[in-house]
């Protein structure tokens, strides 16, 4: 049973993880690989709206995607884009990245090798990964402007799409822990975390929502 307090805390983390950026035209869209084909659908929608002339899908496999996406996350994203009518000339694939940092570094290298001039990127991720992806991209590609985007959906809609509320809350907690510890490891920029968000995080960790935290690390206030 998830308590009313835990639900309220989870919603607070959900809201914080989303950047609230206004989507605008950019040089390219980069869709970060995951189990969620909604990332590809959102990328295609933005392409169809004329927000970008080119899509880059990045991602290999992880234990959670290997069975669902045996050809690799980026390849399945590309196939989804083709199904939705995007021409092959508008899609690049980076099939090697296994974490967010590699998503950014390898996509940047691919675009440079392809001769694409990039001044701005629509960075498309799962809804609760917007802030983590943004912080990582700003660290690794500081000269480019990033606009965060994800599939527009409420917390309740996302819960329904996953079907496992406890797992979703665990993922929200894990994503926030990384915002706390990864800047010190040089993986992302540091961002301000409001006190009410930290309090919600602390309560959720204390209540055992910990399956997605990085083990053996001091995930305390910076």
N, C-alpha and C. Protein backbone atom coordinates (compact mmCIF):
# COMPACT_ATOMS: atom_id res chain seq x y z
N UNK A 1 0.84 -1.19 0.00
CA UNK A 1 0.00 0.00 0.00
C UNK A 1 0.89 1.25 0.00
N UNK A 2 0.64 2.15 -0.93
CA UNK A 2 1.38 3.41 -1.01
C UNK A 2 0.57 4.48 -0.28
N UNK A 3 1.20 5.15 0.66
CA UNK A 3 0.50 6.10 1.51
C UNK A 3 0.16 7.38 0.75
N UNK A 4 -0.83 8.14 1.23
CA UNK A 4 -1.12 9.44 0.62
C UNK A 4 0.09 10.36 0.59
N UNK A 5 0.91 10.34 1.63
CA UNK A 5 2.11 11.17 1.66
C UNK A 5 3.08 10.76 0.55
N UNK A 6 3.24 9.46 0.34
CA UNK A 6 4.15 9.00 -0.72
C UNK A 6 3.64 9.41 -2.09
N UNK A 7 2.33 9.34 -2.30
CA UNK A 7 1.77 9.79 -3.58
C UNK A 7 2.07 11.27 -3.80
N UNK A 8 1.86 12.07 -2.75
CA UNK A 8 2.10 13.51 -2.86
C UNK A 8 3.58 13.78 -3.14
N UNK A 9 4.45 13.06 -2.47
CA UNK A 9 5.89 13.24 -2.69
C UNK A 9 6.29 12.82 -4.10
N UNK A 10 5.71 11.73 -4.59
CA UNK A 10 6.03 11.28 -5.94
C UNK A 10 5.60 12.31 -6.98
N UNK A 11 4.45 12.89 -6.79
CA UNK A 11 3.99 13.93 -7.72
C UNK A 11 4.92 15.14 -7.69
N UNK A 12 5.44 15.46 -6.51
CA UNK A 12 6.37 16.59 -6.42
C UNK A 12 7.65 16.29 -7.20
N UNK A 13 8.18 15.08 -7.08
CA UNK A 13 9.37 14.71 -7.85
C UNK A 13 9.07 14.68 -9.34
N UNK A 14 7.92 14.16 -9.71
CA UNK A 14 7.52 14.12 -11.12
C UNK A 14 7.55 15.52 -11.72
N UNK A 15 6.97 16.48 -11.03
CA UNK A 15 6.95 17.85 -11.53
C UNK A 15 8.33 18.45 -11.63
N UNK A 16 9.20 18.17 -10.67
CA UNK A 16 10.54 18.72 -10.69
C UNK A 16 11.37 18.14 -11.84
N UNK A 17 11.21 16.87 -12.12
CA UNK A 17 12.01 16.23 -13.16
C UNK A 17 11.70 16.77 -14.56
N UNK A 18 10.59 17.41 -14.74
CA UNK A 18 10.26 17.99 -16.04
C UNK A 18 10.70 19.45 -16.09
N UNK A 19 11.35 19.83 -17.17
CA UNK A 19 11.97 21.14 -17.26
C UNK A 19 10.98 22.25 -17.59
N UNK A 20 9.87 21.92 -18.21
CA UNK A 20 8.89 22.94 -18.55
C UNK A 20 9.32 23.85 -19.68
N UNK A 21 10.18 23.38 -20.55
CA UNK A 21 10.63 24.20 -21.67
C UNK A 21 9.53 24.32 -22.72
N UNK A 22 9.51 25.45 -23.38
CA UNK A 22 8.62 25.65 -24.53
C UNK A 22 9.33 25.15 -25.78
N UNK A 23 8.72 24.20 -26.46
CA UNK A 23 9.33 23.63 -27.66
C UNK A 23 9.42 24.69 -28.75
N UNK A 24 10.56 24.75 -29.40
CA UNK A 24 10.77 25.69 -30.51
C UNK A 24 11.65 25.03 -31.55
N UNK A 25 11.73 25.61 -32.76
CA UNK A 25 12.58 25.01 -33.80
C UNK A 25 14.04 24.92 -33.38
N UNK A 26 14.68 23.80 -33.68
CA UNK A 26 16.07 23.56 -33.35
C UNK A 26 16.78 22.91 -34.54
N UNK A 27 18.10 22.83 -34.43
CA UNK A 27 18.89 22.26 -35.53
C UNK A 27 18.60 20.78 -35.74
N UNK A 28 18.33 20.07 -34.63
CA UNK A 28 18.17 18.62 -34.69
C UNK A 28 17.43 18.18 -33.44
N UNK A 29 16.78 17.03 -33.51
CA UNK A 29 16.22 16.39 -32.33
C UNK A 29 17.04 15.14 -32.02
N UNK A 30 17.33 14.94 -30.74
CA UNK A 30 18.03 13.74 -30.30
C UNK A 30 17.09 12.98 -29.37
N UNK A 31 16.70 11.77 -29.78
CA UNK A 31 15.83 10.92 -28.98
C UNK A 31 16.65 9.90 -28.22
N UNK A 32 16.57 9.96 -26.90
CA UNK A 32 17.38 9.10 -26.05
C UNK A 32 16.73 7.73 -25.90
N UNK A 33 17.49 6.69 -26.18
CA UNK A 33 16.97 5.34 -26.15
C UNK A 33 16.50 4.91 -24.78
N UNK A 34 15.46 4.08 -24.76
CA UNK A 34 14.90 3.54 -23.52
C UNK A 34 13.90 2.46 -23.92
N UNK A 35 13.13 1.99 -22.95
CA UNK A 35 12.08 1.02 -23.24
C UNK A 35 10.86 1.66 -23.87
N UNK A 36 10.82 3.00 -23.91
CA UNK A 36 9.61 3.76 -24.22
C UNK A 36 9.60 4.22 -25.68
N UNK A 37 8.80 3.56 -26.52
CA UNK A 37 8.68 4.00 -27.92
C UNK A 37 8.01 5.36 -28.04
N UNK A 38 7.42 5.83 -26.96
CA UNK A 38 6.84 7.17 -26.97
C UNK A 38 7.87 8.25 -27.27
N UNK A 39 9.13 7.98 -26.94
CA UNK A 39 10.19 8.93 -27.29
C UNK A 39 10.27 9.09 -28.81
N UNK A 40 10.21 7.98 -29.53
CA UNK A 40 10.24 8.03 -30.99
C UNK A 40 8.99 8.72 -31.53
N UNK A 41 7.84 8.40 -30.95
CA UNK A 41 6.59 9.03 -31.41
C UNK A 41 6.63 10.54 -31.22
N UNK A 42 7.16 10.99 -30.09
CA UNK A 42 7.26 12.42 -29.83
C UNK A 42 8.24 13.07 -30.79
N UNK A 43 9.36 12.42 -31.06
CA UNK A 43 10.32 12.95 -32.03
C UNK A 43 9.68 13.12 -33.40
N UNK A 44 8.91 12.12 -33.83
CA UNK A 44 8.25 12.20 -35.12
C UNK A 44 7.23 13.33 -35.13
N UNK A 45 6.48 13.49 -34.06
CA UNK A 45 5.51 14.57 -33.97
C UNK A 45 6.18 15.93 -34.11
N UNK A 46 7.32 16.11 -33.47
CA UNK A 46 8.04 17.38 -33.56
C UNK A 46 8.59 17.59 -34.97
N UNK A 47 9.05 16.52 -35.59
CA UNK A 47 9.52 16.61 -36.97
C UNK A 47 8.37 17.03 -37.89
N UNK A 48 7.22 16.42 -37.71
CA UNK A 48 6.06 16.73 -38.55
C UNK A 48 5.58 18.16 -38.34
N UNK A 49 5.80 18.70 -37.16
CA UNK A 49 5.42 20.09 -36.87
C UNK A 49 6.45 21.09 -37.39
N UNK A 50 7.51 20.60 -37.98
CA UNK A 50 8.53 21.48 -38.54
C UNK A 50 9.51 22.03 -37.52
N UNK A 51 9.59 21.38 -36.35
CA UNK A 51 10.48 21.87 -35.31
C UNK A 51 11.94 21.51 -35.58
N UNK A 52 12.17 20.42 -36.32
CA UNK A 52 13.52 19.98 -36.65
C UNK A 52 13.54 19.37 -38.05
N UNK A 53 14.67 19.49 -38.76
CA UNK A 53 14.79 18.84 -40.07
C UNK A 53 15.39 17.45 -40.00
N UNK A 54 15.88 17.07 -38.81
CA UNK A 54 16.64 15.83 -38.70
C UNK A 54 16.43 15.21 -37.32
N UNK A 55 16.29 13.88 -37.29
CA UNK A 55 16.16 13.13 -36.04
C UNK A 55 17.39 12.25 -35.83
N UNK A 56 17.91 12.24 -34.62
CA UNK A 56 18.96 11.31 -34.23
C UNK A 56 18.41 10.44 -33.12
N UNK A 57 18.45 9.13 -33.31
CA UNK A 57 18.06 8.18 -32.27
C UNK A 57 19.31 7.50 -31.75
N UNK A 58 19.44 7.45 -30.43
CA UNK A 58 20.66 6.94 -29.82
C UNK A 58 20.34 5.93 -28.74
N UNK A 59 21.06 4.80 -28.76
CA UNK A 59 20.88 3.81 -27.72
C UNK A 59 21.14 2.40 -28.21
N UNK A 60 21.81 1.62 -27.38
CA UNK A 60 22.07 0.21 -27.67
C UNK A 60 20.99 -0.61 -26.98
N UNK A 61 21.36 -1.39 -25.99
CA UNK A 61 20.42 -2.18 -25.20
C UNK A 61 20.77 -2.08 -23.73
N UNK A 62 19.81 -2.40 -22.90
CA UNK A 62 20.02 -2.54 -21.46
C UNK A 62 19.27 -3.79 -21.03
N UNK A 63 19.47 -4.24 -19.79
CA UNK A 63 18.73 -5.42 -19.34
C UNK A 63 17.21 -5.26 -19.45
N UNK A 64 16.73 -4.01 -19.36
CA UNK A 64 15.28 -3.79 -19.41
C UNK A 64 14.73 -3.67 -20.83
N UNK A 65 15.62 -3.57 -21.84
CA UNK A 65 15.13 -3.40 -23.21
C UNK A 65 15.57 -4.53 -24.14
N UNK A 66 16.42 -5.40 -23.67
CA UNK A 66 17.01 -6.41 -24.57
C UNK A 66 15.96 -7.31 -25.22
N UNK A 67 14.98 -7.74 -24.44
CA UNK A 67 13.95 -8.62 -25.00
C UNK A 67 12.97 -7.85 -25.86
N UNK A 68 12.58 -6.65 -25.41
CA UNK A 68 11.58 -5.88 -26.14
C UNK A 68 12.15 -5.27 -27.42
N UNK A 69 13.44 -4.91 -27.38
CA UNK A 69 14.06 -4.25 -28.53
C UNK A 69 15.35 -4.97 -28.88
N UNK A 70 15.26 -6.18 -29.42
CA UNK A 70 16.46 -7.00 -29.64
C UNK A 70 17.45 -6.41 -30.63
N UNK A 71 17.00 -5.55 -31.52
CA UNK A 71 17.91 -4.93 -32.50
C UNK A 71 18.53 -3.65 -31.97
N UNK A 72 18.21 -3.29 -30.75
CA UNK A 72 18.76 -2.07 -30.15
C UNK A 72 17.72 -0.96 -30.12
N UNK A 73 17.80 -0.14 -29.09
CA UNK A 73 16.80 0.90 -28.88
C UNK A 73 16.73 1.88 -30.04
N UNK A 74 17.89 2.39 -30.47
CA UNK A 74 17.90 3.38 -31.54
C UNK A 74 17.36 2.80 -32.84
N UNK A 75 17.68 1.54 -33.11
CA UNK A 75 17.20 0.90 -34.34
C UNK A 75 15.68 0.75 -34.30
N UNK A 76 15.15 0.35 -33.17
CA UNK A 76 13.69 0.23 -33.05
C UNK A 76 13.02 1.60 -33.15
N UNK A 77 13.65 2.62 -32.61
CA UNK A 77 13.11 3.98 -32.76
C UNK A 77 13.07 4.38 -34.23
N UNK A 78 14.15 4.09 -34.94
CA UNK A 78 14.19 4.42 -36.37
C UNK A 78 13.09 3.69 -37.12
N UNK A 79 12.92 2.42 -36.83
CA UNK A 79 11.86 1.65 -37.49
C UNK A 79 10.49 2.24 -37.20
N UNK A 80 10.30 2.69 -35.97
CA UNK A 80 9.03 3.32 -35.62
C UNK A 80 8.85 4.62 -36.41
N UNK A 81 9.89 5.40 -36.55
CA UNK A 81 9.79 6.64 -37.32
C UNK A 81 9.45 6.36 -38.77
N UNK A 82 10.05 5.33 -39.35
CA UNK A 82 9.74 4.97 -40.73
C UNK A 82 8.27 4.55 -40.85
N UNK A 83 7.78 3.77 -39.87
CA UNK A 83 6.37 3.36 -39.88
C UNK A 83 5.44 4.57 -39.89
N UNK A 84 5.87 5.64 -39.24
CA UNK A 84 5.05 6.84 -39.13
C UNK A 84 5.27 7.81 -40.28
N UNK A 85 6.10 7.42 -41.25
CA UNK A 85 6.22 8.21 -42.46
C UNK A 85 7.42 9.12 -42.58
N UNK A 86 8.34 9.07 -41.65
CA UNK A 86 9.54 9.91 -41.75
C UNK A 86 10.48 9.31 -42.79
N UNK A 87 11.00 10.10 -43.72
CA UNK A 87 11.91 9.55 -44.74
C UNK A 87 13.26 9.18 -44.14
N UNK A 88 13.92 8.21 -44.74
CA UNK A 88 15.20 7.74 -44.22
C UNK A 88 16.25 8.85 -44.22
N UNK A 89 16.11 9.80 -45.13
CA UNK A 89 17.07 10.90 -45.21
C UNK A 89 17.01 11.82 -44.00
N UNK A 90 15.96 11.72 -43.20
CA UNK A 90 15.78 12.60 -42.04
C UNK A 90 16.10 11.92 -40.72
N UNK A 91 16.71 10.73 -40.78
CA UNK A 91 16.98 9.97 -39.56
C UNK A 91 18.43 9.48 -39.54
N UNK A 92 19.12 9.75 -38.45
CA UNK A 92 20.43 9.17 -38.18
C UNK A 92 20.32 8.27 -36.95
N UNK A 93 21.11 7.22 -36.90
CA UNK A 93 21.07 6.27 -35.79
C UNK A 93 22.45 6.14 -35.17
N UNK A 94 22.48 6.21 -33.86
CA UNK A 94 23.68 5.97 -33.07
C UNK A 94 23.37 4.76 -32.20
N UNK A 95 23.89 3.56 -32.53
CA UNK A 95 23.43 2.32 -31.88
C UNK A 95 24.33 1.78 -30.77
N UNK A 96 25.26 2.58 -30.27
CA UNK A 96 26.24 2.05 -29.32
C UNK A 96 26.07 2.54 -27.88
N UNK A 97 25.42 3.66 -27.67
CA UNK A 97 25.37 4.29 -26.34
C UNK A 97 24.64 3.42 -25.33
N UNK A 98 25.20 3.33 -24.12
CA UNK A 98 24.61 2.51 -23.06
C UNK A 98 24.27 3.32 -21.81
N UNK A 99 24.46 4.62 -21.85
CA UNK A 99 24.03 5.48 -20.75
C UNK A 99 23.83 6.89 -21.30
N UNK A 100 23.32 7.78 -20.47
CA UNK A 100 22.96 9.11 -20.95
C UNK A 100 24.18 9.88 -21.44
N UNK A 101 25.31 9.75 -20.73
CA UNK A 101 26.51 10.43 -21.18
C UNK A 101 26.94 9.98 -22.56
N UNK A 102 26.90 8.68 -22.79
CA UNK A 102 27.27 8.17 -24.12
C UNK A 102 26.24 8.59 -25.16
N UNK A 103 24.96 8.66 -24.79
CA UNK A 103 23.95 9.18 -25.72
C UNK A 103 24.37 10.53 -26.27
N UNK A 104 24.80 11.40 -25.38
CA UNK A 104 25.16 12.77 -25.79
C UNK A 104 26.47 12.77 -26.57
N UNK A 105 27.50 12.13 -26.03
CA UNK A 105 28.82 12.17 -26.67
C UNK A 105 28.80 11.51 -28.04
N UNK A 106 28.16 10.36 -28.13
CA UNK A 106 28.15 9.64 -29.39
C UNK A 106 27.27 10.33 -30.43
N UNK A 107 26.16 10.93 -29.99
CA UNK A 107 25.31 11.67 -30.93
C UNK A 107 26.05 12.90 -31.45
N UNK A 108 26.76 13.57 -30.58
CA UNK A 108 27.54 14.72 -31.01
C UNK A 108 28.58 14.32 -32.06
N UNK A 109 29.29 13.22 -31.80
CA UNK A 109 30.30 12.76 -32.75
C UNK A 109 29.67 12.37 -34.08
N UNK A 110 28.52 11.71 -34.04
CA UNK A 110 27.84 11.31 -35.27
C UNK A 110 27.45 12.53 -36.09
N UNK A 111 26.92 13.54 -35.45
CA UNK A 111 26.50 14.75 -36.16
C UNK A 111 27.71 15.48 -36.75
N UNK A 112 28.80 15.52 -36.01
CA UNK A 112 30.01 16.15 -36.53
C UNK A 112 30.54 15.39 -37.74
N UNK A 113 30.55 14.06 -37.64
CA UNK A 113 31.02 13.24 -38.76
C UNK A 113 30.12 13.39 -39.98
N UNK A 114 28.84 13.66 -39.76
CA UNK A 114 27.87 13.80 -40.85
C UNK A 114 27.84 15.22 -41.41
N UNK A 115 28.64 16.11 -40.82
CA UNK A 115 28.72 17.48 -41.31
C UNK A 115 27.50 18.33 -40.99
N UNK A 116 26.78 17.97 -39.93
CA UNK A 116 25.59 18.72 -39.55
C UNK A 116 25.98 19.85 -38.60
N UNK A 117 25.63 21.06 -38.95
CA UNK A 117 25.91 22.22 -38.10
C UNK A 117 24.83 22.31 -37.02
N UNK A 118 25.24 22.21 -35.77
CA UNK A 118 24.29 22.16 -34.67
C UNK A 118 24.50 23.34 -33.73
N UNK A 119 23.46 24.15 -33.58
CA UNK A 119 23.49 25.23 -32.59
C UNK A 119 22.47 25.02 -31.49
N UNK A 120 21.47 24.16 -31.75
CA UNK A 120 20.43 23.90 -30.76
C UNK A 120 19.91 22.48 -30.96
N UNK A 121 19.49 21.87 -29.86
CA UNK A 121 19.03 20.48 -29.88
C UNK A 121 17.73 20.36 -29.10
N UNK A 122 16.73 19.73 -29.72
CA UNK A 122 15.55 19.28 -28.99
C UNK A 122 15.91 17.93 -28.38
N UNK A 123 16.01 17.88 -27.07
CA UNK A 123 16.46 16.69 -26.36
C UNK A 123 15.24 15.95 -25.84
N UNK A 124 14.96 14.78 -26.41
CA UNK A 124 13.71 14.07 -26.13
C UNK A 124 14.00 12.84 -25.28
N UNK A 125 13.30 12.75 -24.15
CA UNK A 125 13.52 11.67 -23.20
C UNK A 125 12.19 11.22 -22.63
N UNK A 126 12.24 10.23 -21.73
CA UNK A 126 11.06 9.91 -20.95
C UNK A 126 10.71 11.11 -20.06
N UNK A 127 9.45 11.28 -19.68
CA UNK A 127 9.08 12.49 -18.92
C UNK A 127 9.89 12.70 -17.65
N UNK A 128 10.15 11.65 -16.89
CA UNK A 128 10.85 11.84 -15.62
C UNK A 128 12.37 11.93 -15.79
N UNK A 129 12.86 11.81 -17.02
CA UNK A 129 14.29 11.90 -17.28
C UNK A 129 14.69 13.24 -17.90
N UNK A 130 13.75 14.16 -18.07
CA UNK A 130 14.07 15.43 -18.73
C UNK A 130 15.23 16.15 -18.04
N UNK A 131 15.14 16.33 -16.75
CA UNK A 131 16.15 17.13 -16.04
C UNK A 131 17.51 16.45 -16.04
N UNK A 132 17.52 15.13 -15.84
CA UNK A 132 18.78 14.41 -15.87
C UNK A 132 19.43 14.51 -17.25
N UNK A 133 18.66 14.33 -18.31
CA UNK A 133 19.20 14.41 -19.65
C UNK A 133 19.73 15.82 -19.94
N UNK A 134 18.98 16.82 -19.53
CA UNK A 134 19.39 18.22 -19.75
C UNK A 134 20.70 18.52 -19.03
N UNK A 135 20.79 18.11 -17.75
CA UNK A 135 21.99 18.38 -16.97
C UNK A 135 23.21 17.69 -17.56
N UNK A 136 23.02 16.48 -18.07
CA UNK A 136 24.13 15.74 -18.70
C UNK A 136 24.56 16.42 -20.00
N UNK A 137 23.58 16.80 -20.81
CA UNK A 137 23.90 17.43 -22.10
C UNK A 137 24.61 18.76 -21.91
N UNK A 138 24.17 19.55 -20.95
CA UNK A 138 24.81 20.84 -20.70
C UNK A 138 26.27 20.67 -20.28
N UNK A 139 26.55 19.60 -19.57
CA UNK A 139 27.93 19.34 -19.14
C UNK A 139 28.81 18.91 -20.31
N UNK A 140 28.28 18.04 -21.16
CA UNK A 140 29.10 17.41 -22.19
C UNK A 140 29.11 18.14 -23.52
N UNK A 141 28.16 19.06 -23.72
CA UNK A 141 28.06 19.78 -24.99
C UNK A 141 27.65 21.23 -24.68
N UNK A 142 28.48 21.96 -23.95
CA UNK A 142 28.07 23.25 -23.38
C UNK A 142 27.81 24.35 -24.39
N UNK A 143 28.38 24.23 -25.58
CA UNK A 143 28.23 25.30 -26.56
C UNK A 143 26.91 25.25 -27.32
N UNK A 144 26.13 24.22 -27.08
CA UNK A 144 24.84 24.05 -27.77
C UNK A 144 23.70 24.37 -26.81
N UNK A 145 22.64 24.96 -27.33
CA UNK A 145 21.45 25.23 -26.52
C UNK A 145 20.52 24.02 -26.58
N UNK A 146 20.05 23.58 -25.41
CA UNK A 146 19.19 22.42 -25.33
C UNK A 146 17.78 22.81 -24.90
N UNK A 147 16.81 22.23 -25.59
CA UNK A 147 15.41 22.39 -25.24
C UNK A 147 14.87 21.00 -24.91
N UNK A 148 14.41 20.82 -23.68
CA UNK A 148 13.95 19.51 -23.24
C UNK A 148 12.52 19.26 -23.69
N UNK A 149 12.25 18.00 -24.06
CA UNK A 149 10.90 17.62 -24.48
C UNK A 149 10.65 16.16 -24.11
N UNK A 150 9.40 15.82 -23.94
CA UNK A 150 9.00 14.44 -23.70
C UNK A 150 7.54 14.31 -24.10
N UNK A 151 7.03 13.11 -24.06
CA UNK A 151 5.62 12.90 -24.39
C UNK A 151 4.75 13.62 -23.37
N UNK A 152 3.87 14.52 -23.80
CA UNK A 152 3.01 15.22 -22.84
C UNK A 152 2.06 14.25 -22.16
N UNK A 153 2.19 14.11 -20.85
CA UNK A 153 1.30 13.22 -20.12
C UNK A 153 1.35 13.56 -18.64
N UNK A 154 0.28 13.25 -17.95
CA UNK A 154 0.22 13.47 -16.51
C UNK A 154 0.91 12.33 -15.77
N UNK A 155 1.14 12.55 -14.50
CA UNK A 155 1.71 11.51 -13.65
C UNK A 155 0.83 10.27 -13.67
N UNK A 156 -0.47 10.48 -13.58
CA UNK A 156 -1.41 9.35 -13.57
C UNK A 156 -1.38 8.59 -14.90
N UNK A 157 -1.27 9.32 -16.00
CA UNK A 157 -1.18 8.66 -17.30
C UNK A 157 0.09 7.84 -17.42
N UNK A 158 1.18 8.37 -16.88
CA UNK A 158 2.43 7.61 -16.94
C UNK A 158 2.35 6.36 -16.08
N UNK A 159 1.76 6.49 -14.91
CA UNK A 159 1.56 5.31 -14.06
C UNK A 159 0.78 4.23 -14.80
N UNK A 160 -0.29 4.63 -15.48
CA UNK A 160 -1.10 3.67 -16.24
C UNK A 160 -0.29 3.02 -17.35
N UNK A 161 0.59 3.80 -18.00
CA UNK A 161 1.36 3.26 -19.12
C UNK A 161 2.39 2.23 -18.65
N UNK A 162 2.89 2.37 -17.43
CA UNK A 162 3.89 1.44 -16.90
C UNK A 162 3.22 0.27 -16.19
N UNK A 163 2.15 0.56 -15.45
CA UNK A 163 1.41 -0.49 -14.77
C UNK A 163 2.01 -0.98 -13.47
N UNK A 164 3.02 -0.27 -12.97
CA UNK A 164 3.68 -0.67 -11.73
C UNK A 164 4.00 0.60 -10.93
N UNK A 165 3.06 1.08 -10.11
CA UNK A 165 3.27 2.36 -9.41
C UNK A 165 4.53 2.40 -8.56
N UNK A 166 4.83 1.31 -7.87
CA UNK A 166 6.01 1.33 -7.01
C UNK A 166 7.29 1.48 -7.84
N UNK A 167 7.34 0.81 -8.98
CA UNK A 167 8.50 0.95 -9.84
C UNK A 167 8.65 2.38 -10.32
N UNK A 168 7.55 3.02 -10.69
CA UNK A 168 7.62 4.41 -11.15
C UNK A 168 8.18 5.31 -10.05
N UNK A 169 7.72 5.14 -8.82
CA UNK A 169 8.23 5.97 -7.74
C UNK A 169 9.71 5.68 -7.49
N UNK A 170 10.08 4.40 -7.57
CA UNK A 170 11.51 4.06 -7.45
C UNK A 170 12.33 4.78 -8.52
N UNK A 171 11.82 4.85 -9.74
CA UNK A 171 12.55 5.51 -10.82
C UNK A 171 12.66 7.01 -10.58
N UNK A 172 11.61 7.62 -10.05
CA UNK A 172 11.66 9.04 -9.73
C UNK A 172 12.73 9.32 -8.66
N UNK A 173 12.79 8.46 -7.66
CA UNK A 173 13.79 8.61 -6.60
C UNK A 173 15.19 8.41 -7.17
N UNK A 174 15.36 7.38 -7.98
CA UNK A 174 16.68 7.12 -8.56
C UNK A 174 17.16 8.26 -9.45
N UNK A 175 16.25 8.84 -10.21
CA UNK A 175 16.63 9.95 -11.08
C UNK A 175 17.08 11.16 -10.25
N UNK A 176 16.41 11.41 -9.13
CA UNK A 176 16.81 12.54 -8.31
C UNK A 176 18.14 12.28 -7.61
N UNK A 177 18.35 11.04 -7.17
CA UNK A 177 19.64 10.72 -6.55
C UNK A 177 20.79 11.04 -7.49
N UNK A 178 20.62 10.74 -8.76
CA UNK A 178 21.68 11.00 -9.72
C UNK A 178 21.94 12.50 -9.89
N UNK A 179 20.89 13.31 -9.79
CA UNK A 179 21.08 14.76 -9.84
C UNK A 179 21.91 15.25 -8.65
N UNK A 180 21.86 14.51 -7.56
CA UNK A 180 22.63 14.87 -6.37
C UNK A 180 24.09 14.44 -6.46
N UNK A 181 24.34 13.22 -6.94
CA UNK A 181 25.70 12.68 -6.85
C UNK A 181 26.52 12.81 -8.12
N UNK A 182 25.87 12.88 -9.27
CA UNK A 182 26.63 12.88 -10.52
C UNK A 182 27.40 14.18 -10.81
N UNK A 183 26.92 15.35 -10.37
CA UNK A 183 27.75 16.54 -10.61
C UNK A 183 29.15 16.43 -10.01
N UNK A 184 29.26 15.86 -8.81
CA UNK A 184 30.57 15.71 -8.19
C UNK A 184 31.46 14.73 -8.93
N UNK A 185 30.85 13.86 -9.72
CA UNK A 185 31.61 12.89 -10.51
C UNK A 185 31.89 13.39 -11.92
N UNK A 186 31.46 14.63 -12.22
CA UNK A 186 31.73 15.23 -13.51
C UNK A 186 30.81 14.80 -14.63
N UNK A 187 29.68 14.16 -14.27
CA UNK A 187 28.79 13.63 -15.29
C UNK A 187 27.73 14.63 -15.75
N UNK A 188 27.45 15.65 -14.95
CA UNK A 188 26.39 16.60 -15.31
C UNK A 188 26.59 17.91 -14.54
N UNK A 189 25.90 18.94 -14.99
CA UNK A 189 25.94 20.20 -14.26
C UNK A 189 25.11 20.06 -12.99
N UNK A 190 25.39 20.90 -12.00
CA UNK A 190 24.59 20.92 -10.79
C UNK A 190 23.40 21.85 -10.97
N UNK A 191 22.27 21.43 -10.49
CA UNK A 191 21.07 22.25 -10.55
C UNK A 191 20.49 22.43 -9.15
N UNK A 192 19.85 23.56 -8.94
CA UNK A 192 19.23 23.82 -7.65
C UNK A 192 18.06 22.87 -7.42
N UNK A 193 17.99 22.32 -6.24
CA UNK A 193 16.89 21.43 -5.87
C UNK A 193 16.14 22.08 -4.72
N UNK A 194 14.88 22.45 -4.92
CA UNK A 194 14.12 23.12 -3.87
C UNK A 194 14.00 22.26 -2.61
N UNK A 195 13.86 22.92 -1.48
CA UNK A 195 13.77 22.20 -0.21
C UNK A 195 12.60 21.23 -0.17
N UNK A 196 11.45 21.63 -0.76
CA UNK A 196 10.30 20.72 -0.70
C UNK A 196 10.54 19.47 -1.53
N UNK A 197 11.30 19.60 -2.61
CA UNK A 197 11.64 18.43 -3.43
C UNK A 197 12.60 17.53 -2.66
N UNK A 198 13.60 18.13 -2.00
CA UNK A 198 14.53 17.33 -1.20
C UNK A 198 13.81 16.60 -0.08
N UNK A 199 12.87 17.29 0.57
CA UNK A 199 12.13 16.66 1.66
C UNK A 199 11.31 15.48 1.15
N UNK A 200 10.69 15.65 -0.03
CA UNK A 200 9.92 14.55 -0.63
C UNK A 200 10.84 13.37 -0.95
N UNK A 201 11.99 13.67 -1.52
CA UNK A 201 12.97 12.63 -1.83
C UNK A 201 13.41 11.88 -0.58
N UNK A 202 13.73 12.62 0.46
CA UNK A 202 14.18 11.99 1.71
C UNK A 202 13.09 11.07 2.28
N UNK A 203 11.85 11.53 2.26
CA UNK A 203 10.77 10.70 2.79
C UNK A 203 10.59 9.42 1.97
N UNK A 204 10.65 9.56 0.65
CA UNK A 204 10.46 8.39 -0.20
C UNK A 204 11.60 7.38 -0.02
N UNK A 205 12.82 7.87 0.06
CA UNK A 205 13.95 6.96 0.33
C UNK A 205 13.77 6.28 1.68
N UNK A 206 13.37 7.06 2.67
CA UNK A 206 13.17 6.49 3.98
C UNK A 206 12.05 5.47 4.04
N UNK A 207 11.12 5.56 3.09
CA UNK A 207 10.00 4.62 3.03
C UNK A 207 10.31 3.40 2.17
N UNK A 208 11.54 3.33 1.66
CA UNK A 208 11.97 2.13 0.96
C UNK A 208 11.83 2.14 -0.55
N UNK A 209 11.62 3.31 -1.15
CA UNK A 209 11.53 3.39 -2.62
C UNK A 209 12.95 3.52 -3.18
N UNK A 210 13.67 2.43 -3.16
CA UNK A 210 15.12 2.49 -3.39
C UNK A 210 15.66 1.52 -4.44
N UNK A 211 14.80 0.86 -5.19
CA UNK A 211 15.32 -0.17 -6.10
C UNK A 211 16.12 0.42 -7.25
N UNK A 212 15.97 1.71 -7.53
CA UNK A 212 16.68 2.31 -8.66
C UNK A 212 17.77 3.30 -8.22
N UNK A 213 18.13 3.29 -6.96
CA UNK A 213 19.22 4.17 -6.55
C UNK A 213 20.56 3.53 -6.89
N UNK A 214 21.60 4.37 -7.00
CA UNK A 214 22.95 3.87 -7.21
C UNK A 214 23.44 3.33 -5.86
N UNK A 215 23.87 2.08 -5.79
CA UNK A 215 24.26 1.51 -4.50
C UNK A 215 25.60 2.04 -4.00
N UNK A 216 25.75 1.93 -2.67
CA UNK A 216 27.01 2.27 -2.03
C UNK A 216 27.50 3.67 -2.35
N UNK A 217 26.57 4.64 -2.33
CA UNK A 217 26.97 6.02 -2.59
C UNK A 217 26.26 6.93 -1.61
N UNK A 218 26.86 8.05 -1.36
CA UNK A 218 26.31 9.01 -0.39
C UNK A 218 25.40 9.98 -1.10
N UNK A 219 24.15 9.61 -1.28
CA UNK A 219 23.21 10.46 -1.99
C UNK A 219 22.56 11.42 -1.01
N UNK A 220 23.34 12.35 -0.51
CA UNK A 220 22.85 13.32 0.45
C UNK A 220 22.84 14.69 -0.19
N UNK A 221 22.44 15.66 0.57
CA UNK A 221 22.40 17.02 0.03
C UNK A 221 23.79 17.45 -0.40
N UNK A 222 23.92 18.13 -1.56
CA UNK A 222 25.24 18.55 -2.02
C UNK A 222 25.79 19.67 -1.17
